[in-house]
């Protein structure tokens, strides 16, 4: 390969939410979030600077009270910037909700 590849694994701990549901072997939502994170960072990182390399991203949610996707992207961005990885720019993620006519913003 003339550029690096990115592999992402996203999972939630069984105790991360108040609802205790037995997970299937293949969780469709976790797979969807893994692909979304992988696509985000494939576009942001200069993969051509790392030929014949593989970048692994592991995200484990320990407390899930909403906004896990945004937190995963923001935490991965901070980790990449901490290790001085050449990139196109910062990937930041926000989400908002409306609760009783009040706007709640999470980032």
N, C-alpha and C. Protein backbone atom coordinates (compact mmCIF):
# COMPACT_ATOMS: atom_id res chain seq x y z
N UNK A 1 0.83 -1.20 0.00
CA UNK A 1 0.00 0.00 0.00
C UNK A 1 0.87 1.25 0.00
N UNK A 2 0.41 2.24 -0.73
CA UNK A 2 1.14 3.50 -0.76
C UNK A 2 0.62 4.48 0.29
N UNK A 3 -0.32 4.06 1.10
CA UNK A 3 -0.85 4.89 2.18
C UNK A 3 -1.30 4.00 3.34
N UNK A 4 -1.43 4.60 4.50
CA UNK A 4 -1.83 3.84 5.69
C UNK A 4 -3.31 3.46 5.60
N UNK A 5 -3.67 2.43 6.35
CA UNK A 5 -5.08 2.08 6.48
C UNK A 5 -5.47 2.28 7.94
N UNK A 6 -6.74 2.54 8.16
CA UNK A 6 -7.25 2.78 9.51
C UNK A 6 -8.25 1.68 9.84
N UNK A 7 -8.09 1.08 11.02
CA UNK A 7 -9.02 0.09 11.54
C UNK A 7 -9.59 0.64 12.85
N UNK A 8 -10.90 0.59 13.01
CA UNK A 8 -11.54 1.16 14.20
C UNK A 8 -12.43 0.12 14.87
N UNK A 9 -12.37 0.08 16.19
CA UNK A 9 -13.23 -0.79 16.99
C UNK A 9 -13.90 0.06 18.06
N UNK A 10 -15.23 0.09 18.06
CA UNK A 10 -16.03 0.85 19.02
C UNK A 10 -16.87 -0.14 19.80
N UNK A 11 -16.86 -0.02 21.12
CA UNK A 11 -17.68 -0.90 21.95
C UNK A 11 -18.10 -0.17 23.21
N UNK A 12 -19.18 -0.66 23.79
CA UNK A 12 -19.69 -0.10 25.04
C UNK A 12 -19.61 -1.19 26.10
N UNK A 13 -19.17 -0.79 27.28
CA UNK A 13 -19.13 -1.74 28.39
C UNK A 13 -20.56 -2.11 28.78
N UNK A 14 -20.75 -3.31 29.29
CA UNK A 14 -22.09 -3.75 29.65
C UNK A 14 -22.68 -2.91 30.78
N UNK A 15 -21.84 -2.30 31.60
CA UNK A 15 -22.32 -1.48 32.71
C UNK A 15 -22.38 0.01 32.36
N UNK A 16 -22.22 0.36 31.08
CA UNK A 16 -22.13 1.77 30.70
C UNK A 16 -23.47 2.50 30.78
N UNK A 17 -24.58 1.80 30.68
CA UNK A 17 -25.88 2.44 30.79
C UNK A 17 -26.69 1.75 31.88
N UNK A 18 -27.80 2.37 32.24
CA UNK A 18 -28.66 1.80 33.27
C UNK A 18 -29.44 0.59 32.77
N UNK A 19 -29.59 0.46 31.47
CA UNK A 19 -30.33 -0.65 30.88
C UNK A 19 -29.38 -1.81 30.66
N UNK A 20 -29.72 -2.96 31.21
CA UNK A 20 -28.87 -4.15 31.06
C UNK A 20 -29.49 -5.06 30.01
N UNK A 21 -28.98 -4.95 28.81
CA UNK A 21 -29.47 -5.78 27.72
C UNK A 21 -28.32 -6.67 27.25
N UNK A 22 -28.64 -7.92 27.04
CA UNK A 22 -27.62 -8.84 26.54
C UNK A 22 -27.29 -8.46 25.10
N UNK A 23 -26.00 -8.30 24.81
CA UNK A 23 -25.58 -7.91 23.47
C UNK A 23 -25.42 -9.13 22.58
N UNK A 24 -25.69 -8.90 21.32
CA UNK A 24 -25.44 -9.94 20.33
C UNK A 24 -23.94 -9.98 20.04
N UNK A 25 -23.53 -11.04 19.40
CA UNK A 25 -22.10 -11.17 19.07
C UNK A 25 -21.66 -10.04 18.14
N UNK A 26 -22.52 -9.67 17.20
CA UNK A 26 -22.24 -8.56 16.29
C UNK A 26 -23.29 -7.48 16.55
N UNK A 27 -22.84 -6.36 17.11
CA UNK A 27 -23.73 -5.26 17.43
C UNK A 27 -23.77 -4.30 16.24
N UNK A 28 -24.94 -4.15 15.61
CA UNK A 28 -25.04 -3.32 14.41
C UNK A 28 -24.72 -1.86 14.70
N UNK A 29 -25.14 -1.36 15.85
CA UNK A 29 -24.90 0.04 16.18
C UNK A 29 -23.40 0.30 16.39
N UNK A 30 -22.73 -0.60 17.08
CA UNK A 30 -21.29 -0.45 17.30
C UNK A 30 -20.53 -0.52 15.98
N UNK A 31 -20.96 -1.40 15.09
CA UNK A 31 -20.33 -1.49 13.78
C UNK A 31 -20.54 -0.21 12.99
N UNK A 32 -21.75 0.35 13.07
CA UNK A 32 -22.04 1.60 12.37
C UNK A 32 -21.18 2.75 12.88
N UNK A 33 -21.04 2.85 14.20
CA UNK A 33 -20.22 3.91 14.79
C UNK A 33 -18.74 3.70 14.44
N UNK A 34 -18.29 2.46 14.43
CA UNK A 34 -16.89 2.16 14.06
C UNK A 34 -16.61 2.62 12.64
N UNK A 35 -17.50 2.34 11.72
CA UNK A 35 -17.31 2.74 10.33
C UNK A 35 -17.34 4.26 10.21
N UNK A 36 -18.24 4.92 10.96
CA UNK A 36 -18.32 6.38 10.91
C UNK A 36 -17.02 7.01 11.41
N UNK A 37 -16.48 6.51 12.50
CA UNK A 37 -15.21 7.04 13.04
C UNK A 37 -14.08 6.77 12.05
N UNK A 38 -14.05 5.57 11.48
CA UNK A 38 -13.01 5.23 10.51
C UNK A 38 -13.07 6.16 9.30
N UNK A 39 -14.25 6.40 8.75
CA UNK A 39 -14.39 7.29 7.59
C UNK A 39 -14.02 8.72 7.93
N UNK A 40 -14.34 9.16 9.14
CA UNK A 40 -14.00 10.52 9.55
C UNK A 40 -12.50 10.73 9.56
N UNK A 41 -11.77 9.79 10.14
CA UNK A 41 -10.33 9.97 10.27
C UNK A 41 -9.56 9.59 9.00
N UNK A 42 -10.15 8.78 8.12
CA UNK A 42 -9.52 8.56 6.82
C UNK A 42 -9.50 9.85 6.02
N UNK A 43 -10.51 10.68 6.19
CA UNK A 43 -10.56 11.96 5.48
C UNK A 43 -9.68 13.02 6.14
N UNK A 44 -9.41 12.89 7.43
CA UNK A 44 -8.71 13.94 8.16
C UNK A 44 -7.20 13.73 8.26
N UNK A 45 -6.75 12.49 8.28
CA UNK A 45 -5.33 12.20 8.48
C UNK A 45 -4.63 12.09 7.13
N UNK A 46 -3.45 12.61 7.06
CA UNK A 46 -2.65 12.50 5.84
C UNK A 46 -2.04 11.11 5.76
N UNK A 47 -2.81 10.17 5.25
CA UNK A 47 -2.42 8.77 5.23
C UNK A 47 -1.25 8.49 4.29
N UNK A 48 -1.01 9.38 3.34
CA UNK A 48 0.09 9.19 2.39
C UNK A 48 1.45 9.33 3.08
N UNK A 49 1.48 9.97 4.23
CA UNK A 49 2.75 10.14 4.95
C UNK A 49 3.18 8.87 5.67
N UNK A 50 2.30 7.87 5.73
CA UNK A 50 2.59 6.61 6.45
C UNK A 50 2.35 5.42 5.53
N UNK A 51 3.17 5.23 4.51
CA UNK A 51 2.94 4.09 3.61
C UNK A 51 3.20 2.77 4.32
N UNK A 52 2.47 1.77 3.92
CA UNK A 52 2.59 0.41 4.47
C UNK A 52 2.41 0.38 5.98
N UNK A 53 1.45 1.17 6.49
CA UNK A 53 1.20 1.24 7.93
C UNK A 53 -0.28 0.99 8.21
N UNK A 54 -0.55 0.69 9.45
CA UNK A 54 -1.93 0.51 9.90
C UNK A 54 -2.12 1.31 11.18
N UNK A 55 -3.18 2.11 11.23
CA UNK A 55 -3.52 2.89 12.43
C UNK A 55 -4.75 2.25 13.04
N UNK A 56 -4.63 1.80 14.28
CA UNK A 56 -5.74 1.16 14.99
C UNK A 56 -6.35 2.15 15.97
N UNK A 57 -7.67 2.26 15.94
CA UNK A 57 -8.41 3.11 16.87
C UNK A 57 -9.31 2.21 17.69
N UNK A 58 -9.14 2.24 19.01
CA UNK A 58 -9.99 1.47 19.92
C UNK A 58 -10.73 2.44 20.83
N UNK A 59 -12.06 2.38 20.80
CA UNK A 59 -12.88 3.25 21.64
C UNK A 59 -13.73 2.35 22.52
N UNK A 60 -13.62 2.53 23.83
CA UNK A 60 -14.41 1.77 24.80
C UNK A 60 -15.19 2.77 25.65
N UNK A 61 -16.51 2.75 25.55
CA UNK A 61 -17.37 3.65 26.31
C UNK A 61 -17.61 3.03 27.68
N UNK A 62 -17.22 3.77 28.72
CA UNK A 62 -17.41 3.27 30.08
C UNK A 62 -18.67 3.81 30.74
N UNK A 63 -19.11 5.01 30.34
CA UNK A 63 -20.35 5.57 30.86
C UNK A 63 -21.10 6.22 29.71
N UNK A 64 -22.22 5.65 29.38
CA UNK A 64 -22.99 6.14 28.24
C UNK A 64 -24.23 6.89 28.69
N UNK A 65 -24.14 8.21 28.69
CA UNK A 65 -25.30 9.01 29.06
C UNK A 65 -25.71 9.93 27.91
N UNK A 66 -25.33 9.58 26.70
CA UNK A 66 -25.68 10.36 25.51
C UNK A 66 -24.46 11.01 24.91
N UNK A 67 -24.47 11.14 23.61
CA UNK A 67 -23.37 11.80 22.92
C UNK A 67 -22.11 10.98 22.81
N UNK A 68 -22.24 9.66 22.82
CA UNK A 68 -21.05 8.81 22.78
C UNK A 68 -20.28 8.95 21.47
N UNK A 69 -21.01 9.13 20.36
CA UNK A 69 -20.32 9.28 19.07
C UNK A 69 -19.45 10.52 19.06
N UNK A 70 -20.01 11.62 19.54
CA UNK A 70 -19.24 12.87 19.57
C UNK A 70 -18.04 12.75 20.49
N UNK A 71 -18.22 12.16 21.62
CA UNK A 71 -17.11 11.99 22.57
C UNK A 71 -16.04 11.10 21.96
N UNK A 72 -16.45 10.07 21.25
CA UNK A 72 -15.47 9.17 20.62
C UNK A 72 -14.63 9.92 19.59
N UNK A 73 -15.26 10.74 18.75
CA UNK A 73 -14.52 11.49 17.74
C UNK A 73 -13.61 12.52 18.40
N UNK A 74 -14.13 13.24 19.40
CA UNK A 74 -13.31 14.26 20.07
C UNK A 74 -12.13 13.64 20.80
N UNK A 75 -12.33 12.52 21.48
CA UNK A 75 -11.24 11.86 22.20
C UNK A 75 -10.19 11.33 21.23
N UNK A 76 -10.62 10.78 20.10
CA UNK A 76 -9.67 10.28 19.11
C UNK A 76 -8.88 11.43 18.50
N UNK A 77 -9.55 12.55 18.27
CA UNK A 77 -8.86 13.74 17.75
C UNK A 77 -7.79 14.21 18.72
N UNK A 78 -8.12 14.25 20.02
CA UNK A 78 -7.13 14.67 21.02
C UNK A 78 -5.96 13.71 21.06
N UNK A 79 -6.23 12.41 20.94
CA UNK A 79 -5.14 11.43 20.96
C UNK A 79 -4.22 11.60 19.75
N UNK A 80 -4.80 11.81 18.58
CA UNK A 80 -3.97 12.01 17.39
C UNK A 80 -3.15 13.29 17.48
N UNK A 81 -3.74 14.34 17.99
CA UNK A 81 -3.00 15.60 18.11
C UNK A 81 -1.92 15.51 19.19
N UNK A 82 -2.14 14.71 20.22
CA UNK A 82 -1.14 14.52 21.26
C UNK A 82 0.10 13.82 20.72
N UNK A 83 -0.09 12.89 19.79
CA UNK A 83 1.06 12.17 19.24
C UNK A 83 1.62 12.86 18.00
N UNK A 84 1.20 14.07 17.72
CA UNK A 84 1.69 14.90 16.62
C UNK A 84 1.57 14.16 15.30
N UNK A 85 0.37 13.78 15.00
CA UNK A 85 0.09 13.10 13.75
C UNK A 85 -0.25 14.13 12.68
N UNK A 86 0.40 14.11 11.52
CA UNK A 86 0.06 15.07 10.47
C UNK A 86 -1.39 14.86 10.01
N UNK A 87 -2.16 15.92 10.02
CA UNK A 87 -3.55 15.81 9.61
C UNK A 87 -3.97 17.07 8.88
N UNK A 88 -5.12 17.00 8.26
CA UNK A 88 -5.67 18.12 7.51
C UNK A 88 -6.19 19.21 8.44
N UNK A 89 -6.59 18.86 9.64
CA UNK A 89 -7.16 19.79 10.61
C UNK A 89 -7.78 19.00 11.75
N UNK A 90 -8.44 19.68 12.63
CA UNK A 90 -9.08 19.03 13.76
C UNK A 90 -10.46 18.50 13.37
N UNK A 91 -10.80 17.34 13.90
CA UNK A 91 -12.15 16.80 13.74
C UNK A 91 -12.88 17.06 15.05
N UNK A 92 -13.87 17.88 15.01
CA UNK A 92 -14.65 18.17 16.20
C UNK A 92 -16.10 17.78 15.95
N UNK A 93 -16.76 17.33 16.98
CA UNK A 93 -18.13 16.85 16.83
C UNK A 93 -18.99 17.44 17.93
N UNK A 94 -20.21 17.84 17.57
CA UNK A 94 -21.18 18.37 18.52
C UNK A 94 -22.53 17.75 18.24
N UNK A 95 -23.35 17.67 19.27
CA UNK A 95 -24.74 17.28 19.07
C UNK A 95 -25.60 18.15 19.99
N UNK A 96 -26.84 18.35 19.60
CA UNK A 96 -27.72 19.19 20.41
C UNK A 96 -29.10 18.54 20.49
N UNK A 97 -29.78 18.84 21.57
CA UNK A 97 -31.14 18.35 21.80
C UNK A 97 -31.99 19.50 22.31
N UNK A 98 -33.28 19.33 22.22
CA UNK A 98 -34.22 20.32 22.73
C UNK A 98 -34.98 19.67 23.88
N UNK A 99 -34.89 20.26 25.06
CA UNK A 99 -35.55 19.72 26.24
C UNK A 99 -36.34 20.83 26.90
N UNK A 100 -37.64 20.74 26.87
CA UNK A 100 -38.52 21.74 27.48
C UNK A 100 -38.17 23.16 27.02
N UNK A 101 -38.06 23.32 25.72
CA UNK A 101 -37.77 24.61 25.10
C UNK A 101 -36.39 25.15 25.46
N UNK A 102 -35.48 24.31 25.92
CA UNK A 102 -34.10 24.70 26.21
C UNK A 102 -33.19 23.87 25.31
N UNK A 103 -32.23 24.54 24.74
CA UNK A 103 -31.28 23.86 23.85
C UNK A 103 -30.13 23.32 24.69
N UNK A 104 -29.84 22.03 24.53
CA UNK A 104 -28.74 21.37 25.23
C UNK A 104 -27.70 21.02 24.19
N UNK A 105 -26.49 21.51 24.37
CA UNK A 105 -25.41 21.25 23.43
C UNK A 105 -24.36 20.39 24.11
N UNK A 106 -23.96 19.31 23.45
CA UNK A 106 -22.90 18.44 23.96
C UNK A 106 -21.79 18.43 22.94
N UNK A 107 -20.57 18.48 23.43
CA UNK A 107 -19.41 18.40 22.54
C UNK A 107 -18.27 17.75 23.24
